[in-house]
Protein backbone atom coordinates (compact mmCIF):
# COMPACT_ATOMS: atom_id res chain seq x y z
CA MET A 1 -50.26 119.39 162.37
CA VAL A 2 -48.16 122.21 162.03
CA SER A 3 -49.06 126.18 161.53
CA HIS A 4 -47.85 127.54 159.22
CA PRO A 5 -46.79 131.47 159.52
CA LEU A 6 -47.37 132.42 156.30
CA PHE A 7 -51.16 131.18 156.10
CA ARG A 8 -52.62 132.84 159.27
CA THR A 9 -55.91 134.43 159.48
CA VAL A 10 -55.37 138.26 160.02
CA ASP A 11 -57.70 140.46 162.22
CA LEU A 12 -57.79 143.63 160.51
CA PHE A 13 -59.73 146.63 162.42
CA GLY A 14 -62.27 143.81 163.79
CA PHE A 15 -62.47 141.66 160.50
CA TYR A 16 -60.75 138.65 160.00
CA LEU A 17 -59.05 138.13 156.61
CA PRO A 18 -58.36 134.78 154.82
CA PRO A 19 -54.60 134.53 153.77
CA VAL A 20 -55.67 134.40 150.15
CA VAL A 21 -57.34 138.12 150.23
CA LEU A 22 -53.93 139.20 151.34
CA TRP A 23 -51.93 137.45 149.21
CA ALA A 24 -54.42 138.40 146.16
CA ALA A 25 -53.58 142.07 147.60
CA ALA A 26 -49.70 141.31 147.35
CA ALA A 27 -49.91 139.91 143.85
CA LEU A 28 -52.06 142.94 142.53
CA LEU A 29 -48.44 145.49 142.38
CA PRO A 30 -46.11 142.83 140.61
CA TYR A 31 -49.24 142.11 137.66
CA LEU A 32 -49.81 145.89 137.29
CA ILE A 33 -46.16 146.14 137.01
CA VAL A 34 -45.74 143.30 134.70
CA SER A 35 -49.48 144.29 132.56
CA ARG A 36 -47.70 147.73 131.92
CA LEU A 37 -44.27 146.34 130.92
CA ALA A 38 -45.93 144.13 128.35
CA ASP A 39 -48.15 146.56 126.68
CA ARG A 40 -45.26 148.89 126.24
CA VAL A 41 -43.16 146.37 125.09
CA GLY A 42 -46.01 145.65 122.66
CA PHE A 43 -46.72 142.05 123.82
CA TYR A 44 -50.51 142.23 123.59
CA ARG A 45 -50.28 143.04 120.05
CA PHE A 46 -49.92 138.87 119.41
CA VAL A 47 -52.33 138.10 121.79
CA TRP A 48 -56.06 136.95 120.44
CA HIS A 49 -57.94 137.58 123.96
CA ARG A 50 -56.10 140.03 126.14
CA PRO A 51 -58.53 140.22 129.41
CA MET A 52 -58.08 136.00 129.28
CA VAL A 53 -54.27 136.46 128.66
CA ASP A 54 -53.92 139.46 131.67
CA ALA A 55 -56.35 136.85 134.22
CA ALA A 56 -53.51 134.03 132.97
CA LEU A 57 -50.87 136.20 134.45
CA TYR A 58 -52.59 137.50 137.55
CA VAL A 59 -53.10 134.29 138.36
CA ILE A 60 -49.31 133.13 137.55
CA ILE A 61 -47.97 135.49 139.87
CA ALA A 62 -50.53 134.98 142.37
CA GLY A 63 -49.42 131.43 142.02
CA ALA A 64 -45.79 132.54 142.58
CA LEU A 65 -45.86 135.02 145.47
CA ILE A 66 -48.40 131.84 147.22
CA PHE A 67 -45.95 129.09 146.57
CA GLY A 68 -42.72 130.26 145.78
CA LEU A 69 -42.28 132.99 148.96
CA PRO A 70 -42.43 130.17 151.54
CA LEU A 71 -39.31 128.61 149.95
CA LEU A 72 -37.74 131.35 149.47
CA THR A 73 -38.12 132.61 153.34
CA GLY A 74 -37.05 129.22 154.40
CA ALA A 75 -40.11 128.55 155.64
CA THR A 76 -41.01 124.97 154.53
CA GLN A 77 -43.30 122.17 155.89
CA ARG A 78 -41.24 119.07 156.83
């Protein structure tokens, strides 16, 4: 089995963090930018349940980072 370099456990001041925590933290900034932009252009006026749309938006951005970044860097498994 080949170890993927983007999915290794990270040691942060003696605490071992799973990669999903780092990916979730990396997705926070793009989520905040997209959410503020959607609020500014008035997208949320057409939404029935804003917290559900926000959660879905965050999951979409996190998934795009997790699955898209290895494809962009060329670090795919064969």
